[in-house]
């Protein structure tokens, strides 16, 4: 590995951004700057800041953001659960721009990958990939597959994906800063889902005829308390929300 360390900007949001940031901080590394959502849209913003108390903060949408990023001249941009798409002009500022996606690419690009892995039976996992203007479509740097069981709800699988994200960051981060960053082309095929598809998935009709297996997979995927996702309309047009509770039969001694 090289003795010189690459400098980086950490763009993060939500619990996964905090957990991965915690792993980075525990390893003794700090970004040159934090890039967070606008203050009113931050999730876990205070927690992420607390990991790097001496690191200055930029917020998406603030004035002259591009010029500020350009003046920092960092080698690398690492995005984890950051909810905004970086334009080509911004990506061009960095030698390495990468995103950690909670999907096993090329499957489940886009929105809610944990949900679609359950609904469609596609592979689940996390992928560190090169960022391009096309969402979740750059070369792959590292991946970790996560098994999906019939006991997994959307929330349970998401927790597994967060754990895998932290494990992957712990494994690769020293190489990202000091070593050779190797990339492989994104495989062809896979799947892509828009946020509006999730909204459609949440709505159940009492008049539908369903396959029990497909129904249970869909309800498992949408169960993410305290969020209210799956619903049907009662006779008065009011939404009635649904979650599923799963428990395995206790094994008896033979």
C-alpha atoms as a PDB file:
ATOM      1  CA  UNK A   1       0.000   0.000   0.000  1.00  0.00           C
ATOM      2  CA  UNK A   2       1.026   3.589  -0.551  1.00  0.00           C
ATOM      3  CA  UNK A   3       2.332   5.555   2.441  1.00  0.00           C
ATOM      4  CA  UNK A   4       0.335   8.640   1.412  1.00  0.00           C
ATOM      5  CA  UNK A   5      -3.298   8.766   2.428  1.00  0.00           C
ATOM      6  CA  UNK A   6      -6.075   9.814   0.088  1.00  0.00           C
ATOM      7  CA  UNK A   7      -8.238  12.628   1.383  1.00  0.00           C
ATOM      8  CA  UNK A   8     -12.003  12.196   1.299  1.00  0.00           C
ATOM      9  CA  UNK A   9     -15.362  13.858   1.765  1.00  0.00           C
ATOM     10  CA  UNK A  10     -18.043  11.853   3.543  1.00  0.00           C
ATOM     11  CA  UNK A  11     -21.592  12.414   2.246  1.00  0.00           C
ATOM     12  CA  UNK A  12     -23.977  10.638   4.597  1.00  0.00           C
ATOM     13  CA  UNK A  13     -27.472  10.466   6.021  1.00  0.00           C
ATOM     14  CA  UNK A  14     -29.658   8.165   8.069  1.00  0.00           C
ATOM     15  CA  UNK A  15     -28.675   5.413  10.494  1.00  0.00           C
ATOM     16  CA  UNK A  16     -26.568   3.546   7.945  1.00  0.00           C
ATOM     17  CA  UNK A  17     -24.555   6.689   7.267  1.00  0.00           C
ATOM     18  CA  UNK A  18     -24.001   6.990  11.002  1.00  0.00           C
ATOM     19  CA  UNK A  19     -23.072   3.318  11.504  1.00  0.00           C
ATOM     20  CA  UNK A  20     -20.569   3.303   8.639  1.00  0.00           C
ATOM     21  CA  UNK A  21     -19.208   6.653   9.772  1.00  0.00           C
ATOM     22  CA  UNK A  22     -18.733   5.178  13.232  1.00  0.00           C
ATOM     23  CA  UNK A  23     -16.681   2.342  11.725  1.00  0.00           C
ATOM     24  CA  UNK A  24     -14.548   4.883   9.846  1.00  0.00           C
ATOM     25  CA  UNK A  25     -14.008   6.962  12.990  1.00  0.00           C
ATOM     26  CA  UNK A  26     -13.144   3.896  15.066  1.00  0.00           C
ATOM     27  CA  UNK A  27     -10.502   2.980  12.502  1.00  0.00           C
ATOM     28  CA  UNK A  28      -8.916   6.380  13.151  1.00  0.00           C
ATOM     29  CA  UNK A  29      -9.877   8.148   9.920  1.00  0.00           C
ATOM     30  CA  UNK A  30     -11.582  11.513   9.462  1.00  0.00           C
ATOM     31  CA  UNK A  31     -12.923  13.189   6.316  1.00  0.00           C
ATOM     32  CA  UNK A  32     -11.815  16.599   5.181  1.00  0.00           C
ATOM     33  CA  UNK A  33     -15.460  17.670   5.183  1.00  0.00           C
ATOM     34  CA  UNK A  34     -18.852  16.190   5.941  1.00  0.00           C
ATOM     35  CA  UNK A  35     -21.575  16.682   3.341  1.00  0.00           C
ATOM     36  CA  UNK A  36     -25.060  16.382   4.837  1.00  0.00           C
ATOM     37  CA  UNK A  37     -28.643  16.908   3.723  1.00  0.00           C
ATOM     38  CA  UNK A  38     -30.190  20.339   4.259  1.00  0.00           C
ATOM     39  CA  UNK A  39     -30.742  20.763   8.006  1.00  0.00           C
ATOM     40  CA  UNK A  40     -34.493  20.239   7.816  1.00  0.00           C
ATOM     41  CA  UNK A  41     -34.074  16.957   5.917  1.00  0.00           C
ATOM     42  CA  UNK A  42     -31.232  15.425   7.881  1.00  0.00           C
ATOM     43  CA  UNK A  43     -31.674  12.083   9.601  1.00  0.00           C
ATOM     44  CA  UNK A  44     -28.996  11.247  12.169  1.00  0.00           C
ATOM     45  CA  UNK A  45     -27.298  14.512  11.238  1.00  0.00           C
ATOM     46  CA  UNK A  46     -26.279  15.331  14.822  1.00  0.00           C
ATOM     47  CA  UNK A  47     -25.050  11.788  15.372  1.00  0.00           C
ATOM     48  CA  UNK A  48     -22.935  11.853  12.216  1.00  0.00           C
ATOM     49  CA  UNK A  49     -21.465  15.230  13.202  1.00  0.00           C
ATOM     50  CA  UNK A  50     -20.601  13.860  16.649  1.00  0.00           C
ATOM     51  CA  UNK A  51     -18.360  11.204  15.063  1.00  0.00           C
ATOM     52  CA  UNK A  52     -16.101  13.870  13.558  1.00  0.00           C
ATOM     53  CA  UNK A  53     -16.433  16.875  15.892  1.00  0.00           C
ATOM     54  CA  UNK A  54     -13.509  18.759  14.346  1.00  0.00           C
ATOM     55  CA  UNK A  55     -14.594  18.200  10.737  1.00  0.00           C
ATOM     56  CA  UNK A  56     -16.308  21.152   8.989  1.00  0.00           C
ATOM     57  CA  UNK A  57     -19.750  20.567   7.504  1.00  0.00           C
ATOM     58  CA  UNK A  58     -21.308  21.409   4.161  1.00  0.00           C
ATOM     59  CA  UNK A  59     -25.008  21.018   3.407  1.00  0.00           C
ATOM     60  CA  UNK A  60     -26.541  20.068   0.087  1.00  0.00           C
ATOM     61  CA  UNK A  61     -28.083  23.047  -1.665  1.00  0.00           C
ATOM     62  CA  UNK A  62     -26.095  25.722   0.130  1.00  0.00           C
ATOM     63  CA  UNK A  63     -24.695  28.623  -1.877  1.00  0.00           C
ATOM     64  CA  UNK A  64     -21.538  28.024  -3.907  1.00  0.00           C
ATOM     65  CA  UNK A  65     -21.399  24.353  -2.932  1.00  0.00           C
ATOM     66  CA  UNK A  66     -19.607  23.332  -6.136  1.00  0.00           C
ATOM     67  CA  UNK A  67     -16.946  26.007  -5.675  1.00  0.00           C
ATOM     68  CA  UNK A  68     -16.417  24.936  -2.065  1.00  0.00           C
ATOM     69  CA  UNK A  69     -16.029  21.290  -3.046  1.00  0.00           C
ATOM     70  CA  UNK A  70     -13.646  22.295  -5.790  1.00  0.00           C
ATOM     71  CA  UNK A  71     -11.485  24.316  -3.385  1.00  0.00           C
ATOM     72  CA  UNK A  72     -11.231  21.387  -0.960  1.00  0.00           C
ATOM     73  CA  UNK A  73      -9.625  19.281  -3.715  1.00  0.00           C
ATOM     74  CA  UNK A  74     -10.249  15.963  -1.956  1.00  0.00           C
ATOM     75  CA  UNK A  75      -9.214  12.764  -3.696  1.00  0.00           C
ATOM     76  CA  UNK A  76     -12.357  10.799  -2.927  1.00  0.00           C
ATOM     77  CA  UNK A  77     -16.080  11.203  -2.345  1.00  0.00           C
ATOM     78  CA  UNK A  78     -17.806   8.491  -0.328  1.00  0.00           C
ATOM     79  CA  UNK A  79     -21.619   8.547  -0.274  1.00  0.00           C
ATOM     80  CA  UNK A  80     -23.643   6.394   2.123  1.00  0.00           C
ATOM     81  CA  UNK A  81     -27.433   6.769   2.244  1.00  0.00           C
ATOM     82  CA  UNK A  82     -27.078  10.246   0.772  1.00  0.00           C
ATOM     83  CA  UNK A  83     -30.374  11.058  -0.860  1.00  0.00           C
ATOM     84  CA  UNK A  84     -29.274  13.370  -3.677  1.00  0.00           C
ATOM     85  CA  UNK A  85     -27.856  12.585  -7.125  1.00  0.00           C
ATOM     86  CA  UNK A  86     -24.462  14.126  -7.836  1.00  0.00           C
ATOM     87  CA  UNK A  87     -24.239  15.737 -11.299  1.00  0.00           C
ATOM     88  CA  UNK A  88     -21.325  14.947 -13.603  1.00  0.00           C
ATOM     89  CA  UNK A  89     -19.786  18.356 -12.896  1.00  0.00           C
ATOM     90  CA  UNK A  90     -19.505  17.527  -9.205  1.00  0.00           C
ATOM     91  CA  UNK A  91     -18.304  13.948  -9.719  1.00  0.00           C
ATOM     92  CA  UNK A  92     -15.532  15.253 -11.972  1.00  0.00           C
ATOM     93  CA  UNK A  93     -13.964  17.011  -8.981  1.00  0.00           C
ATOM     94  CA  UNK A  94     -12.848  13.703  -7.491  1.00  0.00           C
ATOM     95  CA  UNK A  95     -10.464  11.032  -8.688  1.00  0.00           C
ATOM     96  CA  UNK A  96     -12.695   8.479  -6.989  1.00  0.00           C
ATOM     97  CA  UNK A  97     -16.435   8.928  -6.375  1.00  0.00           C
ATOM     98  CA  UNK A  98     -18.198   5.981  -4.805  1.00  0.00           C
ATOM     99  CA  UNK A  99     -21.528   5.066  -3.265  1.00  0.00           C
ATOM    100  CA  UNK A 100     -22.538   2.283  -0.903  1.00  0.00           C
ATOM    101  CA  UNK A 101     -25.882   0.922  -2.099  1.00  0.00           C
ATOM    102  CA  UNK A 102     -27.940  -1.433   0.081  1.00  0.00           C
ATOM    103  CA  UNK A 103     -28.647  -3.730  -2.853  1.00  0.00           C
ATOM    104  CA  UNK A 104     -26.706  -6.533  -4.497  1.00  0.00           C
ATOM    105  CA  UNK A 105     -26.118  -4.854  -7.844  1.00  0.00           C
ATOM    106  CA  UNK A 106     -27.124  -5.159 -10.608  1.00  0.00           C
ATOM    107  CA  UNK A 107     -30.285  -6.268  -8.776  1.00  0.00           C
ATOM    108  CA  UNK A 108     -32.556  -3.716  -7.161  1.00  0.00           C
ATOM    109  CA  UNK A 109     -31.027  -0.504  -8.354  1.00  0.00           C
ATOM    110  CA  UNK A 110     -32.947   2.535  -7.207  1.00  0.00           C
ATOM    111  CA  UNK A 111     -35.465   2.663  -4.387  1.00  0.00           C
ATOM    112  CA  UNK A 112     -36.149   0.257  -1.480  1.00  0.00           C
ATOM    113  CA  UNK A 113     -33.842  -2.619  -2.454  1.00  0.00           C
ATOM    114  CA  UNK A 114     -34.589  -4.514   0.770  1.00  0.00           C
ATOM    115  CA  UNK A 115     -38.290  -4.602  -0.112  1.00  0.00           C
ATOM    116  CA  UNK A 116     -37.830  -5.867  -3.644  1.00  0.00           C
ATOM    117  CA  UNK A 117     -35.411  -8.611  -2.650  1.00  0.00           C
ATOM    118  CA  UNK A 118     -38.216 -10.127  -0.565  1.00  0.00           C
ATOM    119  CA  UNK A 119     -41.044  -9.472  -3.017  1.00  0.00           C
ATOM    120  CA  UNK A 120     -39.239 -10.701  -6.124  1.00  0.00           C
ATOM    121  CA  UNK A 121     -36.824 -13.188  -4.607  1.00  0.00           C
ATOM    122  CA  UNK A 122     -33.789 -11.387  -6.031  1.00  0.00           C
ATOM    123  CA  UNK A 123     -30.381 -11.458  -4.329  1.00  0.00           C
ATOM    124  CA  UNK A 124     -29.907  -9.099  -1.394  1.00  0.00           C
ATOM    125  CA  UNK A 125     -26.695  -7.462  -0.270  1.00  0.00           C
ATOM    126  CA  UNK A 126     -24.628  -4.297  -0.306  1.00  0.00           C
ATOM    127  CA  UNK A 127     -22.448  -2.904  -3.083  1.00  0.00           C
ATOM    128  CA  UNK A 128     -19.739  -0.263  -3.107  1.00  0.00           C
ATOM    129  CA  UNK A 129     -19.653   1.127  -6.632  1.00  0.00           C
ATOM    130  CA  UNK A 130     -18.357   4.028  -8.667  1.00  0.00           C
ATOM    131  CA  UNK A 131     -20.865   6.861  -8.891  1.00  0.00           C
ATOM    132  CA  UNK A 132     -22.074   8.010 -12.287  1.00  0.00           C
ATOM    133  CA  UNK A 133     -24.943  10.337 -13.233  1.00  0.00           C
ATOM    134  CA  UNK A 134     -26.979   7.156 -13.820  1.00  0.00           C
ATOM    135  CA  UNK A 135     -28.278   5.866 -10.488  1.00  0.00           C
ATOM    136  CA  UNK A 136     -26.514   2.733  -9.153  1.00  0.00           C
ATOM    137  CA  UNK A 137     -24.869   2.025 -12.477  1.00  0.00           C
ATOM    138  CA  UNK A 138     -21.088   2.453 -12.059  1.00  0.00           C
ATOM    139  CA  UNK A 139     -18.313  -0.126 -11.857  1.00  0.00           C
ATOM    140  CA  UNK A 140     -18.329  -2.341  -8.785  1.00  0.00           C
ATOM    141  CA  UNK A 141     -15.555  -1.989  -6.199  1.00  0.00           C
ATOM    142  CA  UNK A 142     -16.769  -4.491  -3.573  1.00  0.00           C
ATOM    143  CA  UNK A 143     -19.901  -6.457  -2.673  1.00  0.00           C
ATOM    144  CA  UNK A 144     -21.277  -8.546   0.146  1.00  0.00           C
ATOM    145  CA  UNK A 145     -24.318 -10.795  -0.332  1.00  0.00           C
ATOM    146  CA  UNK A 146     -26.856 -11.146   2.480  1.00  0.00           C
ATOM    147  CA  UNK A 147     -29.040 -14.262   2.757  1.00  0.00           C
ATOM    148  CA  UNK A 148     -32.807 -13.727   2.905  1.00  0.00           C
ATOM    149  CA  UNK A 149     -34.915 -16.069   5.024  1.00  0.00           C
ATOM    150  CA  UNK A 150     -38.657 -16.614   5.155  1.00  0.00           C
ATOM    151  CA  UNK A 151     -38.588 -14.965   8.590  1.00  0.00           C
ATOM    152  CA  UNK A 152     -37.253 -11.678   7.243  1.00  0.00           C
ATOM    153  CA  UNK A 153     -39.504  -8.646   7.164  1.00  0.00           C
ATOM    154  CA  UNK A 154     -38.461  -5.501   5.346  1.00  0.00           C
ATOM    155  CA  UNK A 155     -37.184  -4.141   8.651  1.00  0.00           C
ATOM    156  CA  UNK A 156     -35.274  -7.286   9.587  1.00  0.00           C
ATOM    157  CA  UNK A 157     -33.591  -7.477   6.195  1.00  0.00           C
ATOM    158  CA  UNK A 158     -32.700  -3.793   6.307  1.00  0.00           C
ATOM    159  CA  UNK A 159     -30.973  -4.357   9.653  1.00  0.00           C
ATOM    160  CA  UNK A 160     -28.976  -7.172   8.048  1.00  0.00           C
ATOM    161  CA  UNK A 161     -28.017  -4.834   5.205  1.00  0.00           C
ATOM    162  CA  UNK A 162     -26.847  -2.198   7.673  1.00  0.00           C
ATOM    163  CA  UNK A 163     -24.655  -4.790   9.390  1.00  0.00           C
ATOM    164  CA  UNK A 164     -23.258  -5.872   6.029  1.00  0.00           C
ATOM    165  CA  UNK A 165     -22.587  -2.231   5.114  1.00  0.00           C
ATOM    166  CA  UNK A 166     -20.480  -1.764   8.249  1.00  0.00           C
ATOM    167  CA  UNK A 167     -18.625  -5.030   7.662  1.00  0.00           C
ATOM    168  CA  UNK A 168     -17.861  -4.053   4.069  1.00  0.00           C
ATOM    169  CA  UNK A 169     -16.594  -0.604   5.055  1.00  0.00           C
ATOM    170  CA  UNK A 170     -14.364  -2.116   7.736  1.00  0.00           C
ATOM    171  CA  UNK A 171     -12.915  -4.514   5.175  1.00  0.00           C
ATOM    172  CA  UNK A 172     -12.250  -2.119   2.323  1.00  0.00           C
ATOM    173  CA  UNK A 173     -11.725   1.326   3.824  1.00  0.00           C
ATOM    174  CA  UNK A 174      -7.962   1.072   4.454  1.00  0.00           C
ATOM    175  CA  UNK A 175      -7.512   0.042   0.823  1.00  0.00           C
ATOM    176  CA  UNK A 176      -9.681   2.938  -0.334  1.00  0.00           C
ATOM    177  CA  UNK A 177      -7.366   5.369   1.425  1.00  0.00           C
ATOM    178  CA  UNK A 178      -4.000   3.735   0.838  1.00  0.00           C
ATOM    179  CA  UNK A 179      -4.212   0.978  -1.749  1.00  0.00           C
ATOM    180  CA  UNK A 180      -5.078   0.201  -5.335  1.00  0.00           C
ATOM    181  CA  UNK A 181      -8.808   0.604  -5.954  1.00  0.00           C
ATOM    182  CA  UNK A 182      -9.831  -2.169  -8.310  1.00  0.00           C
ATOM    183  CA  UNK A 183     -13.088  -2.063 -10.242  1.00  0.00           C
ATOM    184  CA  UNK A 184     -15.134  -4.541 -12.230  1.00  0.00           C
ATOM    185  CA  UNK A 185     -17.795  -3.605 -14.795  1.00  0.00           C
ATOM    186  CA  UNK A 186     -21.399  -3.605 -13.668  1.00  0.00           C
ATOM    187  CA  UNK A 187     -22.985  -6.860 -14.904  1.00  0.00           C
ATOM    188  CA  UNK A 188     -25.751  -6.507 -17.460  1.00  0.00           C
ATOM    189  CA  UNK A 189     -29.363  -7.155 -16.545  1.00  0.00           C
ATOM    190  CA  UNK A 190     -30.609  -6.919 -13.005  1.00  0.00           C
ATOM    191  CA  UNK A 191     -33.585  -4.847 -11.867  1.00  0.00           C
ATOM    192  CA  UNK A 192     -34.457  -1.214 -11.164  1.00  0.00           C
ATOM    193  CA  UNK A 193     -37.292   0.212  -9.075  1.00  0.00           C
ATOM    194  CA  UNK A 194     -38.647   3.729  -8.694  1.00  0.00           C
ATOM    195  CA  UNK A 195     -40.052   5.148  -5.456  1.00  0.00           C
ATOM    196  CA  UNK A 196     -43.531   5.258  -6.992  1.00  0.00           C
ATOM    197  CA  UNK A 197     -43.452   1.472  -7.379  1.00  0.00           C
ATOM    198  CA  UNK A 198     -43.117   1.173  -3.621  1.00  0.00           C
ATOM    199  CA  UNK A 199     -46.154   3.427  -3.172  1.00  0.00           C
ATOM    200  CA  UNK A 200     -48.167   1.183  -5.494  1.00  0.00           C
ATOM    201  CA  UNK A 201     -46.949  -1.917  -3.662  1.00  0.00           C
ATOM    202  CA  UNK A 202     -48.337  -0.597  -0.376  1.00  0.00           C
ATOM    203  CA  UNK A 203     -51.950  -0.512  -1.598  1.00  0.00           C
ATOM    204  CA  UNK A 204     -53.941  -3.773  -1.249  1.00  0.00           C
ATOM    205  CA  UNK A 205     -57.407  -4.269  -2.702  1.00  0.00           C
ATOM    206  CA  UNK A 206     -59.925  -6.410  -0.846  1.00  0.00           C
ATOM    207  CA  UNK A 207     -61.256  -7.541  -4.233  1.00  0.00           C
ATOM    208  CA  UNK A 208     -57.942  -9.024  -5.393  1.00  0.00           C
ATOM    209  CA  UNK A 209     -57.447 -12.750  -5.719  1.00  0.00           C
ATOM    210  CA  UNK A 210     -53.959 -13.520  -4.473  1.00  0.00           C
ATOM    211  CA  UNK A 211     -51.439 -16.329  -4.274  1.00  0.00           C
ATOM    212  CA  UNK A 212     -50.788 -16.847  -0.569  1.00  0.00           C
ATOM    213  CA  UNK A 213     -47.026 -17.055  -0.991  1.00  0.00           C
ATOM    214  CA  UNK A 214     -46.866 -13.853  -3.006  1.00  0.00           C
ATOM    215  CA  UNK A 215     -49.193 -12.102  -0.546  1.00  0.00           C
ATOM    216  CA  UNK A 216     -47.044 -13.070   2.436  1.00  0.00           C
ATOM    217  CA  UNK A 217     -43.826 -12.022   0.713  1.00  0.00           C
ATOM    218  CA  UNK A 218     -45.333  -8.643  -0.089  1.00  0.00           C
ATOM    219  CA  UNK A 219     -46.644  -8.139   3.452  1.00  0.00           C
ATOM    220  CA  UNK A 220     -43.317  -9.256   4.949  1.00  0.00           C
ATOM    221  CA  UNK A 221     -41.440  -6.842   2.710  1.00  0.00           C
ATOM    222  CA  UNK A 222     -43.645  -3.905   3.709  1.00  0.00           C
ATOM    223  CA  UNK A 223     -43.528  -4.585   7.462  1.00  0.00           C
ATOM    224  CA  UNK A 224     -41.193  -1.963   8.882  1.00  0.00           C
ATOM    225  CA  UNK A 225     -42.596  -0.642  12.166  1.00  0.00           C
ATOM    226  CA  UNK A 226     -43.081   2.096  13.220  1.00  0.00           C
ATOM    227  CA  UNK A 227     -43.631   3.043   9.555  1.00  0.00           C
ATOM    228  CA  UNK A 228     -47.111   2.422   8.177  1.00  0.00           C
ATOM    229  CA  UNK A 229     -46.772   0.938   4.712  1.00  0.00           C
ATOM    230  CA  UNK A 230     -49.210  -1.808   3.683  1.00  0.00           C
ATOM    231  CA  UNK A 231     -52.874  -0.855   3.798  1.00  0.00           C
ATOM    232  CA  UNK A 232     -56.361  -1.503   2.428  1.00  0.00           C
ATOM    233  CA  UNK A 233     -59.410   0.759   2.341  1.00  0.00           C
ATOM    234  CA  UNK A 234     -62.355   0.016   4.608  1.00  0.00           C
ATOM    235  CA  UNK A 235     -65.987   0.597   3.638  1.00  0.00           C
ATOM    236  CA  UNK A 236     -65.670   4.290   4.435  1.00  0.00           C
ATOM    237  CA  UNK A 237     -62.556   4.834   2.336  1.00  0.00           C
ATOM    238  CA  UNK A 238     -60.237   4.980   5.331  1.00  0.00           C
ATOM    239  CA  UNK A 239     -56.851   3.316   5.249  1.00  0.00           C
ATOM    240  CA  UNK A 240     -56.386   0.295   7.494  1.00  0.00           C
ATOM    241  CA  UNK A 241     -52.689  -0.421   7.951  1.00  0.00           C
ATOM    242  CA  UNK A 242     -51.181  -3.892   8.220  1.00  0.00           C
ATOM    243  CA  UNK A 243     -47.971  -5.427   9.526  1.00  0.00           C
ATOM    244  CA  UNK A 244     -47.037  -9.067   9.884  1.00  0.00           C
ATOM    245  CA  UNK A 245     -45.654 -10.740  12.999  1.00  0.00           C
ATOM    246  CA  UNK A 246     -43.654 -13.918  12.470  1.00  0.00           C
ATOM    247  CA  UNK A 247     -42.517 -16.496  15.007  1.00  0.00           C
ATOM    248  CA  UNK A 248     -40.929 -19.874  14.474  1.00  0.00           C
ATOM    249  CA  UNK A 249     -42.203 -23.033  16.096  1.00  0.00           C
ATOM    250  CA  UNK A 250     -40.125 -23.987  19.086  1.00  0.00           C
ATOM    251  CA  UNK A 251     -38.025 -27.040  18.387  1.00  0.00           C
ATOM    252  CA  UNK A 252     -38.832 -30.008  20.546  1.00  0.00           C
ATOM    253  CA  UNK A 253     -36.232 -32.378  21.884  1.00  0.00           C
ATOM    254  CA  UNK A 254     -36.418 -35.677  20.046  1.00  0.00           C
END
